[in-house]
PDB file of N, CA and C in Angstrom:
ATOM      1  N   MET A   1       0.829  -1.194   0.000  1.00  0.00           N
ATOM      2  CA  MET A   1       0.000   0.000   0.000  1.00  0.00           C
ATOM      3  C   MET A   1       0.872   1.256   0.000  1.00  0.00           C
ATOM      4  N   LYS A   2       1.970   1.261   0.761  1.00  0.00           N
ATOM      5  CA  LYS A   2       2.841   2.423   0.807  1.00  0.00           C
ATOM      6  C   LYS A   2       3.540   2.642  -0.530  1.00  0.00           C
ATOM      7  N   ASN A   3       3.888   1.555  -1.222  1.00  0.00           N
ATOM      8  CA  ASN A   3       4.540   1.692  -2.523  1.00  0.00           C
ATOM      9  C   ASN A   3       3.601   2.344  -3.528  1.00  0.00           C
ATOM     10  N   THR A   4       2.327   2.025  -3.448  1.00  0.00           N
ATOM     11  CA  THR A   4       1.346   2.610  -4.360  1.00  0.00           C
ATOM     12  C   THR A   4       1.234   4.109  -4.118  1.00  0.00           C
ATOM     13  N   ARG A   5       1.236   4.520  -2.884  1.00  0.00           N
ATOM     14  CA  ARG A   5       1.159   5.949  -2.552  1.00  0.00           C
ATOM     15  C   ARG A   5       2.414   6.684  -3.007  1.00  0.00           C
ATOM     16  N   LYS A   6       3.562   6.064  -2.833  1.00  0.00           N
ATOM     17  CA  LYS A   6       4.814   6.693  -3.259  1.00  0.00           C
ATOM     18  C   LYS A   6       4.840   6.851  -4.781  1.00  0.00           C
ATOM     19  N   LEU A   7       4.236   5.945  -5.502  1.00  0.00           N
ATOM     20  CA  LEU A   7       4.213   6.009  -6.955  1.00  0.00           C
ATOM     21  C   LEU A   7       3.120   6.941  -7.460  1.00  0.00           C
ATOM     22  N   ALA A   8       2.028   7.053  -6.743  1.00  0.00           N
ATOM     23  CA  ALA A   8       0.891   7.859  -7.183  1.00  0.00           C
ATOM     24  C   ALA A   8       1.217   9.353  -7.188  1.00  0.00           C
ATOM     25  N   LEU A   9       1.964   9.833  -6.239  1.00  0.00           N
ATOM     26  CA  LEU A   9       2.271  11.259  -6.152  1.00  0.00           C
ATOM     27  C   LEU A   9       3.100  11.747  -7.337  1.00  0.00           C
ATOM     28  N   PRO A  10       4.189  11.086  -7.706  1.00  0.00           N
ATOM     29  CA  PRO A  10       4.931  11.557  -8.888  1.00  0.00           C
ATOM     30  C   PRO A  10       4.111  11.470 -10.178  1.00  0.00           C
ATOM     31  N   ILE A  11       3.308  10.444 -10.320  1.00  0.00           N
ATOM     32  CA  ILE A  11       2.468  10.312 -11.516  1.00  0.00           C
ATOM     33  C   ILE A  11       1.450  11.442 -11.557  1.00  0.00           C
ATOM     34  N   LEU A  12       0.843  11.750 -10.432  1.00  0.00           N
ATOM     35  CA  LEU A  12      -0.118  12.848 -10.361  1.00  0.00           C
ATOM     36  C   LEU A  12       0.554  14.178 -10.713  1.00  0.00           C
ATOM     37  N   CYS A  13       1.760  14.402 -10.216  1.00  0.00           N
ATOM     38  CA  CYS A  13       2.498  15.627 -10.533  1.00  0.00           C
ATOM     39  C   CYS A  13       2.813  15.716 -12.021  1.00  0.00           C
ATOM     40  N   ILE A  14       3.210  14.619 -12.627  1.00  0.00           N
ATOM     41  CA  ILE A  14       3.530  14.605 -14.053  1.00  0.00           C
ATOM     42  C   ILE A  14       2.288  14.879 -14.886  1.00  0.00           C
ATOM     43  N   VAL A  15       1.184  14.251 -14.550  1.00  0.00           N
ATOM     44  CA  VAL A  15      -0.062  14.469 -15.296  1.00  0.00           C
ATOM     45  C   VAL A  15      -0.521  15.915 -15.158  1.00  0.00           C
ATOM     46  N   THR A  16      -0.410  16.470 -13.978  1.00  0.00           N
ATOM     47  CA  THR A  16      -0.784  17.868 -13.755  1.00  0.00           C
ATOM     48  C   THR A  16       0.107  18.800 -14.563  1.00  0.00           C
ATOM     49  N   LEU A  17       1.396  18.541 -14.573  1.00  0.00           N
ATOM     50  CA  LEU A  17       2.338  19.362 -15.320  1.00  0.00           C
ATOM     51  C   LEU A  17       2.045  19.305 -16.821  1.00  0.00           C
ATOM     52  N   ILE A  18       1.747  18.130 -17.342  1.00  0.00           N
ATOM     53  CA  ILE A  18       1.400  17.994 -18.760  1.00  0.00           C
ATOM     54  C   ILE A  18       0.139  18.789 -19.079  1.00  0.00           C
ATOM     55  N   GLY A  19      -0.840  18.736 -18.206  1.00  0.00           N
ATOM     56  CA  GLY A  19      -2.069  19.502 -18.407  1.00  0.00           C
ATOM     57  C   GLY A  19      -1.825  20.995 -18.418  1.00  0.00           C
ATOM     58  N   ILE A  20      -0.980  21.465 -17.520  1.00  0.00           N
ATOM     59  CA  ILE A  20      -0.659  22.891 -17.461  1.00  0.00           C
ATOM     60  C   ILE A  20       0.090  23.321 -18.719  1.00  0.00           C
ATOM     61  N   LEU A  21       1.049  22.520 -19.139  1.00  0.00           N
ATOM     62  CA  LEU A  21       1.819  22.865 -20.338  1.00  0.00           C
ATOM     63  C   LEU A  21       0.943  22.856 -21.585  1.00  0.00           C
ATOM     64  N   ALA A  22       0.033  21.904 -21.682  1.00  0.00           N
ATOM     65  CA  ALA A  22      -0.843  21.826 -22.853  1.00  0.00           C
ATOM     66  C   ALA A  22      -1.765  23.034 -22.912  1.00  0.00           C
ATOM     67  N   SER A  23      -2.303  23.446 -21.791  1.00  0.00           N
ATOM     68  CA  SER A  23      -3.180  24.618 -21.803  1.00  0.00           C
ATOM     69  C   SER A  23      -2.376  25.889 -22.001  1.00  0.00           C
ATOM     70  N   GLY A  24      -1.143  25.909 -21.555  1.00  0.00           N
ATOM     71  CA  GLY A  24      -0.285  27.066 -21.750  1.00  0.00           C
ATOM     72  C   GLY A  24       0.026  27.310 -23.212  1.00  0.00           C
ATOM     73  N   CYS A  25       0.159  26.244 -23.994  1.00  0.00           N
ATOM     74  CA  CYS A  25       0.422  26.403 -25.426  1.00  0.00           C
ATOM     75  C   CYS A  25      -0.749  27.104 -26.106  1.00  0.00           C
ATOM     76  N   ASN A  26      -1.953  26.713 -25.764  1.00  0.00           N
ATOM     77  CA  ASN A  26      -3.130  27.346 -26.360  1.00  0.00           C
ATOM     78  C   ASN A  26      -3.225  28.811 -25.936  1.00  0.00           C
ATOM     79  N   THR A  27      -2.901  29.094 -24.702  1.00  0.00           N
ATOM     80  CA  THR A  27      -2.965  30.460 -24.204  1.00  0.00           C
ATOM     81  C   THR A  27      -1.920  31.331 -24.905  1.00  0.00           C
ATOM     82  N   ALA A  28      -0.715  30.821 -25.057  1.00  0.00           N
ATOM     83  CA  ALA A  28       0.343  31.583 -25.729  1.00  0.00           C
ATOM     84  C   ALA A  28      -0.010  31.823 -27.188  1.00  0.00           C
ATOM     85  N   ASN A  29      -0.610  30.844 -27.827  1.00  0.00           N
ATOM     86  CA  ASN A  29      -1.020  30.995 -29.219  1.00  0.00           C
ATOM     87  C   ASN A  29      -2.072  32.088 -29.344  1.00  0.00           C
ATOM     88  N   GLY A  30      -3.057  32.097 -28.484  1.00  0.00           N
ATOM     89  CA  GLY A  30      -4.099  33.117 -28.494  1.00  0.00           C
ATOM     90  C   GLY A  30      -3.536  34.494 -28.184  1.00  0.00           C
ATOM     91  N   PHE A  31      -2.602  34.557 -27.253  1.00  0.00           N
ATOM     92  CA  PHE A  31      -1.974  35.829 -26.902  1.00  0.00           C
ATOM     93  C   PHE A  31      -1.185  36.375 -28.090  1.00  0.00           C
ATOM     94  N   GLY A  32      -0.499  35.510 -28.802  1.00  0.00           N
ATOM     95  CA  GLY A  32       0.256  35.926 -29.981  1.00  0.00           C
ATOM     96  C   GLY A  32      -0.652  36.516 -31.052  1.00  0.00           C
ATOM     97  N   LYS A  33      -1.807  35.907 -31.244  1.00  0.00           N
ATOM     98  CA  LYS A  33      -2.764  36.420 -32.222  1.00  0.00           C
ATOM     99  C   LYS A  33      -3.302  37.783 -31.785  1.00  0.00           C
ATOM    100  N   ASP A  34      -3.550  37.955 -30.504  1.00  0.00           N
ATOM    101  CA  ASP A  34      -4.034  39.243 -29.992  1.00  0.00           C
ATOM    102  C   ASP A  34      -2.999  40.337 -30.203  1.00  0.00           C
ATOM    103  N   VAL A  35      -1.743  40.035 -29.931  1.00  0.00           N
ATOM    104  CA  VAL A  35      -0.670  41.015 -30.103  1.00  0.00           C
ATOM    105  C   VAL A  35      -0.533  41.367 -31.584  1.00  0.00           C
ATOM    106  N   GLN A  36      -0.652  40.368 -32.435  1.00  0.00           N
ATOM    107  CA  GLN A  36      -0.553  40.610 -33.872  1.00  0.00           C
ATOM    108  C   GLN A  36      -1.679  41.538 -34.346  1.00  0.00           C
ATOM    109  N   LYS A  37      -2.891  41.293 -33.891  1.00  0.00           N
ATOM    110  CA  LYS A  37      -4.017  42.151 -34.276  1.00  0.00           C
ATOM    111  C   LYS A  37      -3.839  43.569 -33.740  1.00  0.00           C
ATOM    112  N   ALA A  38      -3.311  43.694 -32.540  1.00  0.00           N
ATOM    113  CA  ALA A  38      -3.068  45.019 -31.975  1.00  0.00           C
ATOM    114  C   ALA A  38      -2.022  45.758 -32.800  1.00  0.00           C
ATOM    115  N   GLY A  39      -0.981  45.063 -33.207  1.00  0.00           N
ATOM    116  CA  GLY A  39       0.051  45.668 -34.040  1.00  0.00           C
ATOM    117  C   GLY A  39      -0.496  46.116 -35.386  1.00  0.00           C
ATOM    118  N   GLU A  40      -1.381  45.305 -35.969  1.00  0.00           N
ATOM    119  CA  GLU A  40      -2.005  45.665 -37.242  1.00  0.00           C
ATOM    120  C   GLU A  40      -2.876  46.913 -37.069  1.00  0.00           C
ATOM    121  N   GLY A  41      -3.561  46.998 -35.955  1.00  0.00           N
ATOM    122  CA  GLY A  41      -4.398  48.169 -35.680  1.00  0.00           C
ATOM    123  C   GLY A  41      -3.558  49.430 -35.549  1.00  0.00           C
ATOM    124  N   ILE A  42      -2.407  49.310 -34.906  1.00  0.00           N
ATOM    125  CA  ILE A  42      -1.517  50.461 -34.759  1.00  0.00           C
ATOM    126  C   ILE A  42      -0.972  50.888 -36.123  1.00  0.00           C
ATOM    127  N   GLN A  43      -0.607  49.907 -36.939  1.00  0.00           N
ATOM    128  CA  GLN A  43      -0.113  50.228 -38.273  1.00  0.00           C
ATOM    129  C   GLN A  43      -1.183  50.927 -39.117  1.00  0.00           C
ATOM    130  N   ASP A  44      -2.399  50.452 -39.031  1.00  0.00           N
ATOM    131  CA  ASP A  44      -3.492  51.060 -39.788  1.00  0.00           C
ATOM    132  C   ASP A  44      -3.774  52.486 -39.286  1.00  0.00           C
ATOM    133  N   GLY A  45      -3.599  52.707 -38.008  1.00  0.00           N
ATOM    134  CA  GLY A  45      -3.851  54.029 -37.442  1.00  0.00           C
ATOM    135  C   GLY A  45      -2.804  55.061 -37.844  1.00  0.00           C
ATOM    136  N   THR A  46      -1.610  54.602 -38.168  1.00  0.00           N
ATOM    137  CA  THR A  46      -0.539  55.534 -38.528  1.00  0.00           C
ATOM    138  C   THR A  46      -0.567  55.898 -40.012  1.00  0.00           C
ATOM    139  N   LYS A  47      -1.393  55.222 -40.792  1.00  0.00           N
ATOM    140  CA  LYS A  47      -1.447  55.501 -42.242  1.00  0.00           C
ATOM    141  C   LYS A  47      -2.323  56.679 -42.537  1.00  0.00           C
TER     142      LYS A  47
END
């Protein structure tokens, strides 16, 4: 029983980390698109 608990914690941490990294990629992608649109708006405003 103790071996199962010792193994469960690292697995849980790894799964959580993968979930955070996967959602972070989507967030960074969306942020990049927002910055790009803002830059385009600034360029259009200076013309």
